[in-house]
Amino acid sequence: MESAALPRHSASGAAASRPATADAGYQAFLMLRIGFAVAPIAFGLDKFFNVLVHWPQYLAPWIDRIVPGSAQSAMYAVGVIEIAAGLLVALKPRYGAPLVAAWLAGIVVNLLTFSGWYDIALRDFGLMVGALALTRMAWHYDPPLRRTS
């Protein structure tokens, strides 16, 4: 990660330069980036071991009917996707954060269509908002792979 100088506005309104690492916005970006890299990787790995919780219980029956195999097989696929999303956030949050936000939106829909998990749906909605905030920050702090002219 580069430590670029970002403008800072003083009380008088004049812009001063300081390292990006001293910028509160950049610090928040780093915290969200780390959190949204670590959490999906950890939860994705747990889909294979069910240590934190028995993950198949959260799969809405209508989704279980349309995916091939068992609910646990679906959780293996979910685990792979979550690990990949977390790695993408770690490597290139500009592209990984919107993927995580969209994934969380899908989880919220799954939970809202399956009675009994509304509290977890609300929590995941909050996480989705955090991933959207990371997306917005990544558009500012993480340059695209290719610059368009």
C-alpha atoms as a PDB file:
ATOM      1  CA  MET A   1       0.000   0.000   0.000  1.00  0.00           C
ATOM      2  CA  GLU A   2       1.205   3.432  -0.873  1.00  0.00           C
ATOM      3  CA  SER A   3       1.380   6.272   1.610  1.00  0.00           C
ATOM      4  CA  ALA A   4       0.236   9.132  -0.586  1.00  0.00           C
ATOM      5  CA  ALA A   5      -0.187  12.643   0.723  1.00  0.00           C
ATOM      6  CA  LEU A   6      -3.839  13.683   0.959  1.00  0.00           C
ATOM      7  CA  PRO A   7      -5.167  17.198   1.381  1.00  0.00           C
ATOM      8  CA  ARG A   8      -6.132  18.192   4.887  1.00  0.00           C
ATOM      9  CA  HIS A   9      -8.167  21.256   5.650  1.00  0.00           C
ATOM     10  CA  SER A  10      -7.102  23.262   8.650  1.00  0.00           C
ATOM     11  CA  ALA A  11      -9.401  25.372  10.810  1.00  0.00           C
ATOM     12  CA  SER A  12      -8.636  28.309   8.518  1.00  0.00           C
ATOM     13  CA  GLY A  13      -9.793  26.300   5.500  1.00  0.00           C
ATOM     14  CA  ALA A  14      -6.317  26.045   3.958  1.00  0.00           C
ATOM     15  CA  ALA A  15      -5.290  22.637   2.657  1.00  0.00           C
ATOM     16  CA  ALA A  16      -2.151  21.066   4.086  1.00  0.00           C
ATOM     17  CA  SER A  17      -0.478  17.808   3.100  1.00  0.00           C
ATOM     18  CA  ARG A  18       0.189  14.932   5.417  1.00  0.00           C
ATOM     19  CA  PRO A  19       0.791  11.218   4.946  1.00  0.00           C
ATOM     20  CA  ALA A  20      -2.296   9.137   4.162  1.00  0.00           C
ATOM     21  CA  THR A  21      -1.593   7.002   7.232  1.00  0.00           C
ATOM     22  CA  ALA A  22      -2.328  10.047   9.424  1.00  0.00           C
ATOM     23  CA  ASP A  23      -5.682  10.644   7.722  1.00  0.00           C
ATOM     24  CA  ALA A  24      -8.669   9.469   9.800  1.00  0.00           C
ATOM     25  CA  GLY A  25     -10.540   8.411   6.661  1.00  0.00           C
ATOM     26  CA  TYR A  26      -7.620   6.284   5.539  1.00  0.00           C
ATOM     27  CA  GLN A  27      -7.341   4.730   8.998  1.00  0.00           C
ATOM     28  CA  ALA A  28     -11.060   3.839   8.878  1.00  0.00           C
ATOM     29  CA  PHE A  29     -10.515   2.395   5.380  1.00  0.00           C
ATOM     30  CA  LEU A  30      -7.696   0.186   6.712  1.00  0.00           C
ATOM     31  CA  MET A  31      -9.788  -1.020   9.670  1.00  0.00           C
ATOM     32  CA  LEU A  32     -12.717  -1.918   7.412  1.00  0.00           C
ATOM     33  CA  ARG A  33     -10.379  -3.512   4.873  1.00  0.00           C
ATOM     34  CA  ILE A  34      -8.798  -5.739   7.494  1.00  0.00           C
ATOM     35  CA  GLY A  35     -12.160  -6.627   9.043  1.00  0.00           C
ATOM     36  CA  PHE A  36     -13.820  -7.445   5.725  1.00  0.00           C
ATOM     37  CA  ALA A  37     -10.810  -9.520   4.676  1.00  0.00           C
ATOM     38  CA  VAL A  38     -10.455 -11.519   7.896  1.00  0.00           C
ATOM     39  CA  ALA A  39     -14.145 -12.163   8.657  1.00  0.00           C
ATOM     40  CA  PRO A  40     -15.132 -13.715   5.294  1.00  0.00           C
ATOM     41  CA  ILE A  41     -11.996 -15.852   5.284  1.00  0.00           C
ATOM     42  CA  ALA A  42     -12.646 -17.056   8.853  1.00  0.00           C
ATOM     43  CA  PHE A  43     -16.348 -17.704   8.238  1.00  0.00           C
ATOM     44  CA  GLY A  44     -15.568 -19.322   4.887  1.00  0.00           C
ATOM     45  CA  LEU A  45     -13.094 -21.708   6.494  1.00  0.00           C
ATOM     46  CA  ASP A  46     -15.618 -22.561   9.187  1.00  0.00           C
ATOM     47  CA  LYS A  47     -18.123 -23.655   6.527  1.00  0.00           C
ATOM     48  CA  PHE A  48     -15.900 -26.741   6.163  1.00  0.00           C
ATOM     49  CA  PHE A  49     -15.666 -27.505   9.901  1.00  0.00           C
ATOM     50  CA  ASN A  50     -18.867 -26.127  11.509  1.00  0.00           C
ATOM     51  CA  VAL A  51     -16.996 -25.151  14.682  1.00  0.00           C
ATOM     52  CA  LEU A  52     -18.689 -21.777  15.230  1.00  0.00           C
ATOM     53  CA  VAL A  53     -22.142 -23.023  14.262  1.00  0.00           C
ATOM     54  CA  HIS A  54     -23.817 -25.686  12.118  1.00  0.00           C
ATOM     55  CA  TRP A  55     -24.040 -23.490   8.987  1.00  0.00           C
ATOM     56  CA  PRO A  56     -26.539 -25.569   6.954  1.00  0.00           C
ATOM     57  CA  GLN A  57     -29.281 -24.589   9.410  1.00  0.00           C
ATOM     58  CA  TYR A  58     -29.215 -21.065   7.973  1.00  0.00           C
ATOM     59  CA  LEU A  59     -29.953 -22.150   4.407  1.00  0.00           C
ATOM     60  CA  ALA A  60     -33.546 -21.323   3.467  1.00  0.00           C
ATOM     61  CA  PRO A  61     -35.436 -24.444   2.346  1.00  0.00           C
ATOM     62  CA  TRP A  62     -36.293 -22.919  -1.046  1.00  0.00           C
ATOM     63  CA  ILE A  63     -32.580 -22.370  -1.727  1.00  0.00           C
ATOM     64  CA  ASP A  64     -31.735 -25.866  -0.475  1.00  0.00           C
ATOM     65  CA  ARG A  65     -34.235 -27.256  -3.004  1.00  0.00           C
ATOM     66  CA  ILE A  66     -32.667 -25.454  -5.979  1.00  0.00           C
ATOM     67  CA  VAL A  67     -28.972 -26.064  -5.240  1.00  0.00           C
ATOM     68  CA  PRO A  68     -27.558 -29.458  -6.136  1.00  0.00           C
ATOM     69  CA  GLY A  69     -26.517 -31.778  -3.324  1.00  0.00           C
ATOM     70  CA  SER A  70     -27.015 -31.348   0.389  1.00  0.00           C
ATOM     71  CA  ALA A  71     -27.144 -28.157   2.428  1.00  0.00           C
ATOM     72  CA  GLN A  72     -23.641 -28.975   3.698  1.00  0.00           C
ATOM     73  CA  SER A  73     -22.414 -29.279   0.100  1.00  0.00           C
ATOM     74  CA  ALA A  74     -23.880 -25.829  -0.550  1.00  0.00           C
ATOM     75  CA  MET A  75     -21.979 -24.556   2.498  1.00  0.00           C
ATOM     76  CA  TYR A  76     -18.727 -25.857   0.996  1.00  0.00           C
ATOM     77  CA  ALA A  77     -19.389 -23.743  -2.103  1.00  0.00           C
ATOM     78  CA  VAL A  78     -20.343 -20.786   0.106  1.00  0.00           C
ATOM     79  CA  GLY A  79     -17.094 -21.240   2.031  1.00  0.00           C
ATOM     80  CA  VAL A  80     -15.010 -21.120  -1.135  1.00  0.00           C
ATOM     81  CA  ILE A  81     -16.793 -17.954  -2.300  1.00  0.00           C
ATOM     82  CA  GLU A  82     -16.351 -16.272   1.095  1.00  0.00           C
ATOM     83  CA  ILE A  83     -12.657 -17.114   1.236  1.00  0.00           C
ATOM     84  CA  ALA A  84     -12.173 -15.758  -2.295  1.00  0.00           C
ATOM     85  CA  ALA A  85     -14.113 -12.579  -1.436  1.00  0.00           C
ATOM     86  CA  GLY A  86     -12.020 -12.015   1.704  1.00  0.00           C
ATOM     87  CA  LEU A  87      -8.791 -12.483  -0.253  1.00  0.00           C
ATOM     88  CA  LEU A  88     -10.017 -10.057  -2.903  1.00  0.00           C
ATOM     89  CA  VAL A  89     -10.783  -7.453  -0.218  1.00  0.00           C
ATOM     90  CA  ALA A  90      -7.270  -7.926   1.162  1.00  0.00           C
ATOM     91  CA  LEU A  91      -5.633  -7.611  -2.254  1.00  0.00           C
ATOM     92  CA  LYS A  92      -7.898  -5.142  -4.080  1.00  0.00           C
ATOM     93  CA  PRO A  93     -10.715  -3.712  -1.921  1.00  0.00           C
ATOM     94  CA  ARG A  94     -12.035  -1.589  -4.815  1.00  0.00           C
ATOM     95  CA  TYR A  95     -13.326  -4.840  -6.332  1.00  0.00           C
ATOM     96  CA  GLY A  96     -13.637  -7.065  -3.259  1.00  0.00           C
ATOM     97  CA  ALA A  97     -15.751  -4.756  -1.084  1.00  0.00           C
ATOM     98  CA  PRO A  98     -18.690  -4.517  -3.507  1.00  0.00           C
ATOM     99  CA  LEU A  99     -18.542  -8.294  -3.923  1.00  0.00           C
ATOM    100  CA  VAL A 100     -18.782  -8.737  -0.140  1.00  0.00           C
ATOM    101  CA  ALA A 101     -21.641  -6.197   0.029  1.00  0.00           C
ATOM    102  CA  ALA A 102     -23.558  -8.056  -2.694  1.00  0.00           C
ATOM    103  CA  TRP A 103     -22.866 -11.391  -0.989  1.00  0.00           C
ATOM    104  CA  LEU A 104     -24.189 -10.030   2.308  1.00  0.00           C
ATOM    105  CA  ALA A 105     -27.295  -8.742   0.514  1.00  0.00           C
ATOM    106  CA  GLY A 106     -27.881 -12.287  -0.718  1.00  0.00           C
ATOM    107  CA  ILE A 107     -27.451 -13.634   2.802  1.00  0.00           C
ATOM    108  CA  VAL A 108     -29.971 -11.074   4.099  1.00  0.00           C
ATOM    109  CA  VAL A 109     -32.506 -12.156   1.457  1.00  0.00           C
ATOM    110  CA  ASN A 110     -31.910 -15.811   2.360  1.00  0.00           C
ATOM    111  CA  LEU A 111     -32.454 -15.114   6.069  1.00  0.00           C
ATOM    112  CA  LEU A 112     -35.530 -12.916   5.564  1.00  0.00           C
ATOM    113  CA  THR A 113     -37.210 -15.671   3.548  1.00  0.00           C
ATOM    114  CA  PHE A 114     -36.568 -18.219   6.295  1.00  0.00           C
ATOM    115  CA  SER A 115     -38.561 -17.517   9.457  1.00  0.00           C
ATOM    116  CA  GLY A 116     -36.631 -17.391  12.699  1.00  0.00           C
ATOM    117  CA  TRP A 117     -33.412 -15.710  11.601  1.00  0.00           C
ATOM    118  CA  TYR A 118     -34.526 -12.060  11.460  1.00  0.00           C
ATOM    119  CA  ASP A 119     -32.028 -10.996  14.131  1.00  0.00           C
ATOM    120  CA  ILE A 120     -29.152 -12.411  12.117  1.00  0.00           C
ATOM    121  CA  ALA A 121     -30.564 -10.808   8.950  1.00  0.00           C
ATOM    122  CA  LEU A 122     -30.483  -7.432  10.723  1.00  0.00           C
ATOM    123  CA  ARG A 123     -26.885  -8.010  11.839  1.00  0.00           C
ATOM    124  CA  ASP A 124     -25.863  -8.972   8.309  1.00  0.00           C
ATOM    125  CA  PHE A 125     -27.662  -5.892   6.961  1.00  0.00           C
ATOM    126  CA  GLY A 126     -25.404  -3.820   9.233  1.00  0.00           C
ATOM    127  CA  LEU A 127     -22.375  -5.678   7.905  1.00  0.00           C
ATOM    128  CA  MET A 128     -23.579  -4.994   4.361  1.00  0.00           C
ATOM    129  CA  VAL A 129     -23.739  -1.266   5.134  1.00  0.00           C
ATOM    130  CA  GLY A 130     -20.173  -1.490   6.457  1.00  0.00           C
ATOM    131  CA  ALA A 131     -19.068  -3.244   3.255  1.00  0.00           C
ATOM    132  CA  LEU A 132     -20.757  -0.495   1.233  1.00  0.00           C
ATOM    133  CA  ALA A 133     -18.862   2.109   3.284  1.00  0.00           C
ATOM    134  CA  LEU A 134     -15.640   0.220   2.542  1.00  0.00           C
ATOM    135  CA  THR A 135     -16.597   0.212  -1.144  1.00  0.00           C
ATOM    136  CA  ARG A 136     -16.976   3.989  -1.118  1.00  0.00           C
ATOM    137  CA  MET A 137     -13.672   4.447   0.695  1.00  0.00           C
ATOM    138  CA  ALA A 138     -11.936   2.027  -1.671  1.00  0.00           C
ATOM    139  CA  TRP A 139     -13.059   4.150  -4.633  1.00  0.00           C
ATOM    140  CA  HIS A 140     -11.106   6.973  -3.018  1.00  0.00           C
ATOM    141  CA  TYR A 141      -8.069   5.193  -1.532  1.00  0.00           C
ATOM    142  CA  ASP A 142      -7.564   2.162  -3.802  1.00  0.00           C
ATOM    143  CA  PRO A 143      -6.743   3.041  -7.423  1.00  0.00           C
ATOM    144  CA  PRO A 144      -8.279   0.990 -10.230  1.00  0.00           C
ATOM    145  CA  LEU A 145      -6.154  -1.656 -11.916  1.00  0.00           C
ATOM    146  CA  ARG A 146      -6.175   0.381 -15.119  1.00  0.00           C
ATOM    147  CA  ARG A 147      -6.493   4.111 -15.372  1.00  0.00           C
ATOM    148  CA  THR A 148      -8.996   5.303 -17.949  1.00  0.00           C
ATOM    149  CA  SER A 149      -8.153   8.468 -19.827  1.00  0.00           C
END
